[in-house]
C-alpha atoms as a PDB file:
ATOM      1  CA  UNK A   1      49.826  97.794 125.223  1.00  0.00           C
ATOM      2  CA  UNK A   2      51.004  97.002 121.458  1.00  0.00           C
ATOM      3  CA  UNK A   3      48.992  94.012 119.668  1.00  0.00           C
ATOM      4  CA  UNK A   4      51.052  92.982 116.350  1.00  0.00           C
ATOM      5  CA  UNK A   5      49.518  90.529 114.055  1.00  0.00           C
ATOM      6  CA  UNK A   6      51.317  87.773 111.579  1.00  0.00           C
ATOM      7  CA  UNK A   7      50.474  87.268 108.056  1.00  0.00           C
ATOM      8  CA  UNK A   8      48.302  84.034 108.502  1.00  0.00           C
ATOM      9  CA  UNK A   9      46.004  86.316 112.264  1.00  0.00           C
ATOM     10  CA  UNK A  10      45.990  89.050 109.967  1.00  0.00           C
ATOM     11  CA  UNK A  11      44.381  86.957 107.243  1.00  0.00           C
ATOM     12  CA  UNK A  12      41.760  84.507 109.645  1.00  0.00           C
ATOM     13  CA  UNK A  13      40.892  87.883 111.022  1.00  0.00           C
ATOM     14  CA  UNK A  14      40.020  89.489 107.529  1.00  0.00           C
ATOM     15  CA  UNK A  15      37.882  86.129 106.946  1.00  0.00           C
ATOM     16  CA  UNK A  16      35.875  86.940 109.512  1.00  0.00           C
ATOM     17  CA  UNK A  17      32.538  88.943 109.334  1.00  0.00           C
ATOM     18  CA  UNK A  18      32.856  92.264 110.462  1.00  0.00           C
ATOM     19  CA  UNK A  19      30.177  92.241 114.291  1.00  0.00           C
ATOM     20  CA  UNK A  20      33.358  88.945 114.951  1.00  0.00           C
ATOM     21  CA  UNK A  21      35.825  90.598 113.493  1.00  0.00           C
ATOM     22  CA  UNK A  22      34.959  93.975 115.649  1.00  0.00           C
ATOM     23  CA  UNK A  23      34.654  91.236 118.908  1.00  0.00           C
ATOM     24  CA  UNK A  24      38.262  89.859 118.411  1.00  0.00           C
ATOM     25  CA  UNK A  25      40.057  93.165 117.749  1.00  0.00           C
ATOM     26  CA  UNK A  26      38.085  94.296 121.229  1.00  0.00           C
ATOM     27  CA  UNK A  27      40.030  91.505 122.662  1.00  0.00           C
ATOM     28  CA  UNK A  28      42.708  91.955 121.834  1.00  0.00           C
ATOM     29  CA  UNK A  29      43.201  95.632 122.797  1.00  0.00           C
ATOM     30  CA  UNK A  30      42.606  94.079 126.360  1.00  0.00           C
ATOM     31  CA  UNK A  31      45.521  91.780 126.511  1.00  0.00           C
ATOM     32  CA  UNK A  32      46.756  91.179 129.689  1.00  0.00           C
ATOM     33  CA  UNK A  33      43.335  91.053 131.532  1.00  0.00           C
ATOM     34  CA  UNK A  34      40.901  88.288 129.392  1.00  0.00           C
ATOM     35  CA  UNK A  35      41.234  84.590 129.465  1.00  0.00           C
ATOM     36  CA  UNK A  36      44.318  83.823 129.194  1.00  0.00           C
ATOM     37  CA  UNK A  37      45.990  80.781 130.487  1.00  0.00           C
ATOM     38  CA  UNK A  38      49.722  79.902 129.201  1.00  0.00           C
ATOM     39  CA  UNK A  39      50.191  76.590 126.010  1.00  0.00           C
ATOM     40  CA  UNK A  40      51.566  73.785 127.409  1.00  0.00           C
ATOM     41  CA  UNK A  41      54.520  72.045 125.820  1.00  0.00           C
ATOM     42  CA  UNK A  42      55.596  75.346 123.543  1.00  0.00           C
ATOM     43  CA  UNK A  43      58.994  76.321 125.230  1.00  0.00           C
ATOM     44  CA  UNK A  44      58.585  80.581 123.426  1.00  0.00           C
ATOM     45  CA  UNK A  45      56.222  80.874 126.023  1.00  0.00           C
ATOM     46  CA  UNK A  46      53.205  81.290 123.774  1.00  0.00           C
ATOM     47  CA  UNK A  47      49.627  81.967 125.526  1.00  0.00           C
ATOM     48  CA  UNK A  48      46.130  82.188 124.317  1.00  0.00           C
ATOM     49  CA  UNK A  49      43.197  84.241 124.472  1.00  0.00           C
ATOM     50  CA  UNK A  50      39.913  82.217 125.053  1.00  0.00           C
ATOM     51  CA  UNK A  51      37.267  85.523 123.035  1.00  0.00           C
ATOM     52  CA  UNK A  52      34.151  83.088 122.822  1.00  0.00           C
ATOM     53  CA  UNK A  53      34.061  80.389 119.745  1.00  0.00           C
ATOM     54  CA  UNK A  54      37.131  82.100 118.831  1.00  0.00           C
ATOM     55  CA  UNK A  55      40.994  81.653 119.584  1.00  0.00           C
ATOM     56  CA  UNK A  56      43.981  83.578 120.265  1.00  0.00           C
ATOM     57  CA  UNK A  57      47.528  82.573 119.985  1.00  0.00           C
ATOM     58  CA  UNK A  58      50.207  85.569 121.387  1.00  0.00           C
ATOM     59  CA  UNK A  59      53.987  85.924 122.774  1.00  0.00           C
ATOM     60  CA  UNK A  60      54.745  88.746 124.883  1.00  0.00           C
ATOM     61  CA  UNK A  61      57.381  90.176 122.997  1.00  0.00           C
ATOM     62  CA  UNK A  62      59.724  93.735 123.632  1.00  0.00           C
ATOM     63  CA  UNK A  63      59.537  96.259 121.705  1.00  0.00           C
ATOM     64  CA  UNK A  64      62.979  98.626 120.216  1.00  0.00           C
ATOM     65  CA  UNK A  65      62.037 101.122 123.245  1.00  0.00           C
ATOM     66  CA  UNK A  66      61.543  97.745 126.460  1.00  0.00           C
ATOM     67  CA  UNK A  67      57.572  97.954 125.981  1.00  0.00           C
ATOM     68  CA  UNK A  68      56.305  95.142 126.374  1.00  0.00           C
ATOM     69  CA  UNK A  69      53.736  94.129 123.436  1.00  0.00           C
ATOM     70  CA  UNK A  70      51.587  91.659 121.919  1.00  0.00           C
ATOM     71  CA  UNK A  71      51.944  89.521 119.136  1.00  0.00           C
ATOM     72  CA  UNK A  72      49.474  87.671 117.491  1.00  0.00           C
ATOM     73  CA  UNK A  73      50.680  84.233 116.141  1.00  0.00           C
ATOM     74  CA  UNK A  74      47.436  82.425 115.074  1.00  0.00           C
ATOM     75  CA  UNK A  75      43.360  83.454 115.183  1.00  0.00           C
ATOM     76  CA  UNK A  76      41.042  80.838 115.124  1.00  0.00           C
ATOM     77  CA  UNK A  77      37.707  78.330 116.355  1.00  0.00           C
ATOM     78  CA  UNK A  78      38.143  76.437 119.428  1.00  0.00           C
ATOM     79  CA  UNK A  79      38.179  73.135 117.216  1.00  0.00           C
ATOM     80  CA  UNK A  80      40.220  74.828 114.750  1.00  0.00           C
ATOM     81  CA  UNK A  81      42.902  76.077 116.794  1.00  0.00           C
ATOM     82  CA  UNK A  82      44.771  73.879 118.949  1.00  0.00           C
ATOM     83  CA  UNK A  83      46.044  71.167 115.874  1.00  0.00           C
END
């Protein structure tokens, strides 16, 4: 599955230390498996992926060839991501 990052998500990922960055990248590559829950209060089908104390908020999208992918909107710590 293709995973794309928003500008904000890429910036958040770049600011993390290398160990955390690799852990999050492994988690994103594993989508659609993992601890994924649909977020309430959003009509665009946002989901969150739990990666330790970090969360990745994403939506499923279809590319031009009809294949499903994931677009990551936000990456952050649990305390900051839900604000």
